[in-house]
Amino acid sequence: MFKNKNLRFMLFMLFALVCFVAIGTCLIVDVAVTGTMTWSGLTVASILFVWCVALPFFFSKRQVAWSLSIFTVLVLPFLWYLGEETVSVSWFMKLGLPLGIMSVGLAWLMYALFRFVKIHMLYRAAVTVLLVTVVANPIIHHLVGEFTGEKAALLISIINIFSGVVAAAVLGIVGYCKTRGKQN
């Protein structure tokens, strides 16, 4: 990401300092307000999760692959922890597990699409928009709608699918015009 090792190290140190200050601030505020640790565990876990996923961008030549690998390993335990900390309702098995698995699969699919498929960038972007809006979004809305009992999820999914198809068509047309222009 950054060619200069000193700049990369300085940015890593700045990122680590910001994370450390955020963790310290959350812990201090939580203990000062409630007298004990209540909600700060959620923020500490979230900051540590982001820190771990972002770490390869400072030290690896294959940042995205390593970051996705770390995300793959940590996302389900992270969601499980969040589910355990939110004791009002148990949501990990019904929402966290299926959405976490779907997110990992979709992220790797998009990585493979952009890394290995040799078509114009706009075509890859169109396929990504279709994957997210036509495949993933309706599944997410269905799972959340089943969990919460909300029936408006179908209408939202239809609007998102229509918008995604239009956006993908525009990306595809612009990509076609660009590739056609290069051939002439």
Protein backbone atom coordinates (compact mmCIF):
# COMPACT_ATOMS: atom_id res chain seq x y z
CA MET A 1 0.00 0.00 0.00
CA PHE A 2 2.73 2.46 1.00
CA LYS A 3 6.17 2.15 -0.60
CA ASN A 4 7.96 4.14 2.10
CA LYS A 5 8.53 1.87 5.14
CA ASN A 6 8.92 4.80 7.53
CA LEU A 7 5.62 6.31 6.41
CA ARG A 8 3.95 2.92 6.72
CA PHE A 9 5.32 2.47 10.25
CA MET A 10 4.29 6.00 11.26
CA LEU A 11 0.75 5.43 9.96
CA PHE A 12 0.60 2.11 11.82
CA MET A 13 1.70 3.78 15.04
CA LEU A 14 -0.89 6.55 14.54
CA PHE A 15 -3.61 3.94 13.88
CA ALA A 16 -2.55 1.94 16.96
CA LEU A 17 -2.53 5.12 19.09
CA VAL A 18 -6.03 6.10 17.93
CA CYS A 19 -7.28 2.58 18.73
CA PHE A 20 -5.58 2.63 22.14
CA VAL A 21 -7.02 6.06 22.99
CA ALA A 22 -10.50 4.97 21.88
CA ILE A 23 -10.31 1.82 24.02
CA GLY A 24 -9.05 3.79 27.03
CA THR A 25 -11.72 6.45 26.61
CA CYS A 26 -14.52 3.88 26.40
CA LEU A 27 -13.29 2.05 29.48
CA ILE A 28 -12.91 5.25 31.51
CA VAL A 29 -16.33 6.61 30.52
CA ASP A 30 -18.05 3.28 31.15
CA VAL A 31 -16.55 2.86 34.62
CA ALA A 32 -17.08 6.55 35.48
CA VAL A 33 -20.75 6.50 34.48
CA THR A 34 -21.86 3.04 35.61
CA GLY A 35 -19.27 2.21 38.26
CA THR A 36 -18.38 -1.01 36.43
CA MET A 37 -17.72 -2.30 32.93
CA THR A 38 -21.03 -2.71 31.11
CA TRP A 39 -21.04 -1.67 27.43
CA SER A 40 -17.32 -0.97 26.96
CA GLY A 41 -16.56 -4.62 26.23
CA LEU A 42 -18.51 -4.31 22.99
CA THR A 43 -16.53 -1.30 21.84
CA VAL A 44 -13.20 -2.79 22.90
CA ALA A 45 -13.96 -6.01 21.00
CA SER A 46 -15.06 -4.01 17.94
CA ILE A 47 -11.94 -1.85 17.93
CA LEU A 48 -9.67 -4.89 18.37
CA PHE A 49 -11.52 -6.69 15.55
CA VAL A 50 -11.00 -3.74 13.18
CA TRP A 51 -7.38 -3.42 14.29
CA CYS A 52 -6.69 -7.09 13.50
CA VAL A 53 -8.41 -6.92 10.11
CA ALA A 54 -6.57 -3.70 9.19
CA LEU A 55 -3.13 -4.91 10.32
CA PRO A 56 -2.11 -6.47 6.97
CA PHE A 57 -2.53 -3.12 5.22
CA PHE A 58 0.50 -1.88 7.13
CA PHE A 59 2.83 -4.89 6.90
CA SER A 60 1.91 -7.21 4.04
CA LYS A 61 2.41 -7.12 0.31
CA ARG A 62 -0.85 -9.06 -0.17
CA GLN A 63 -2.96 -6.80 2.05
CA VAL A 64 -6.42 -7.71 0.83
CA ALA A 65 -5.88 -11.49 0.88
CA TRP A 66 -4.41 -11.39 4.38
CA SER A 67 -7.06 -9.00 5.64
CA LEU A 68 -9.82 -11.23 4.25
CA SER A 69 -8.14 -14.26 5.83
CA ILE A 70 -8.12 -12.59 9.23
CA PHE A 71 -11.72 -11.44 8.73
CA THR A 72 -12.69 -15.03 7.84
CA VAL A 73 -11.12 -16.41 11.01
CA LEU A 74 -12.37 -13.72 13.40
CA VAL A 75 -15.84 -12.70 12.20
CA LEU A 76 -17.82 -15.60 13.67
CA PRO A 77 -16.13 -15.50 17.10
CA PHE A 78 -16.59 -11.72 17.08
CA LEU A 79 -20.29 -12.02 16.26
CA TRP A 80 -20.69 -14.76 18.86
CA TYR A 81 -19.14 -12.47 21.51
CA LEU A 82 -21.45 -9.63 20.49
CA GLY A 83 -24.39 -12.03 20.71
CA GLU A 84 -23.36 -13.11 24.20
CA GLU A 85 -22.97 -9.53 25.38
CA THR A 86 -26.39 -8.49 24.12
CA VAL A 87 -28.33 -10.60 26.58
CA SER A 88 -31.78 -9.19 25.84
CA VAL A 89 -32.28 -11.52 22.87
CA SER A 90 -30.28 -14.42 21.43
CA TRP A 91 -29.54 -13.60 17.82
CA PHE A 92 -26.24 -15.30 16.96
CA MET A 93 -27.61 -18.60 15.62
CA LYS A 94 -30.48 -17.03 13.66
CA LEU A 95 -28.69 -13.94 12.33
CA GLY A 96 -25.00 -13.82 13.19
CA LEU A 97 -24.00 -17.26 11.92
CA PRO A 98 -25.79 -17.20 8.54
CA LEU A 99 -24.96 -13.56 7.83
CA GLY A 100 -21.35 -14.03 8.92
CA ILE A 101 -20.91 -17.05 6.65
CA MET A 102 -22.60 -15.24 3.77
CA SER A 103 -20.41 -12.16 4.31
CA VAL A 104 -17.24 -14.23 4.25
CA GLY A 105 -18.31 -16.06 1.10
CA LEU A 106 -19.37 -12.86 -0.65
CA ALA A 107 -16.16 -11.05 0.30
CA TRP A 108 -13.99 -13.88 -1.07
CA LEU A 109 -16.11 -14.09 -4.22
CA MET A 110 -15.67 -10.36 -4.86
CA TYR A 111 -11.94 -10.64 -4.12
CA ALA A 112 -11.61 -13.47 -6.65
CA LEU A 113 -13.64 -11.50 -9.19
CA PHE A 114 -11.41 -8.43 -8.93
CA ARG A 115 -8.15 -10.36 -8.55
CA PHE A 116 -8.44 -13.11 -11.15
CA VAL A 117 -11.14 -12.30 -13.71
CA LYS A 118 -9.65 -10.37 -16.60
CA ILE A 119 -12.54 -8.21 -17.79
CA HIS A 120 -12.96 -4.45 -17.68
CA MET A 121 -13.18 -2.99 -14.18
CA LEU A 122 -16.67 -1.63 -14.85
CA TYR A 123 -17.95 -5.11 -15.76
CA ARG A 124 -16.52 -6.46 -12.50
CA ALA A 125 -18.19 -3.59 -10.64
CA ALA A 126 -21.51 -4.43 -12.36
CA VAL A 127 -21.24 -8.08 -11.30
CA THR A 128 -20.43 -6.97 -7.75
CA VAL A 129 -23.48 -4.69 -7.64
CA LEU A 130 -25.65 -7.57 -8.88
CA LEU A 131 -24.19 -9.97 -6.30
CA VAL A 132 -24.86 -7.56 -3.46
CA THR A 133 -28.27 -6.24 -4.52
CA VAL A 134 -29.84 -9.25 -6.27
CA VAL A 135 -28.34 -12.13 -4.26
CA ALA A 136 -27.13 -11.00 -0.84
CA ASN A 137 -29.54 -8.18 -0.03
CA PRO A 138 -32.76 -10.22 -0.36
CA ILE A 139 -31.26 -12.97 1.79
CA ILE A 140 -30.28 -10.44 4.44
CA HIS A 141 -33.72 -8.80 4.38
CA HIS A 142 -35.43 -12.19 4.58
CA LEU A 143 -33.35 -13.31 7.59
CA VAL A 144 -33.79 -10.03 9.41
CA GLY A 145 -37.50 -9.91 8.54
CA GLU A 146 -38.00 -13.45 9.88
CA PHE A 147 -36.08 -12.59 13.04
CA THR A 148 -37.87 -9.31 13.74
CA GLY A 149 -41.25 -10.22 12.29
CA GLU A 150 -41.16 -7.19 9.99
CA LYS A 151 -43.02 -7.65 6.71
CA ALA A 152 -41.70 -4.57 4.88
CA ALA A 153 -38.51 -6.48 4.02
CA LEU A 154 -40.00 -7.73 0.73
CA LEU A 155 -40.77 -4.23 -0.56
CA ILE A 156 -37.32 -2.98 0.43
CA SER A 157 -35.73 -5.97 -1.33
CA ILE A 158 -37.69 -5.31 -4.52
CA ILE A 159 -36.61 -1.65 -4.53
CA ASN A 160 -32.98 -2.63 -3.89
CA ILE A 161 -33.03 -5.30 -6.60
CA PHE A 162 -34.48 -2.86 -9.13
CA SER A 163 -31.91 -0.20 -8.18
CA GLY A 164 -29.09 -2.74 -8.36
CA VAL A 165 -30.13 -3.99 -11.80
CA VAL A 166 -30.31 -0.40 -13.10
CA ALA A 167 -26.90 0.47 -11.59
CA ALA A 168 -25.34 -2.72 -12.98
CA ALA A 169 -26.83 -2.01 -16.42
CA VAL A 170 -25.39 1.51 -16.38
CA LEU A 171 -21.97 0.18 -15.32
CA GLY A 172 -22.15 -2.47 -18.04
CA ILE A 173 -23.12 0.04 -20.73
CA VAL A 174 -20.37 2.47 -19.71
CA GLY A 175 -17.89 -0.43 -19.61
CA TYR A 176 -19.00 -1.53 -23.08
CA CYS A 177 -18.60 2.02 -24.44
CA LYS A 178 -15.14 2.31 -22.92
CA THR A 179 -13.94 -1.05 -24.25
CA ARG A 180 -15.56 -0.36 -27.64
CA GLY A 181 -13.82 3.05 -27.77
CA LYS A 182 -10.42 1.46 -27.14
CA GLN A 183 -10.93 -1.01 -29.98
CA ASN A 184 -11.67 1.72 -32.55
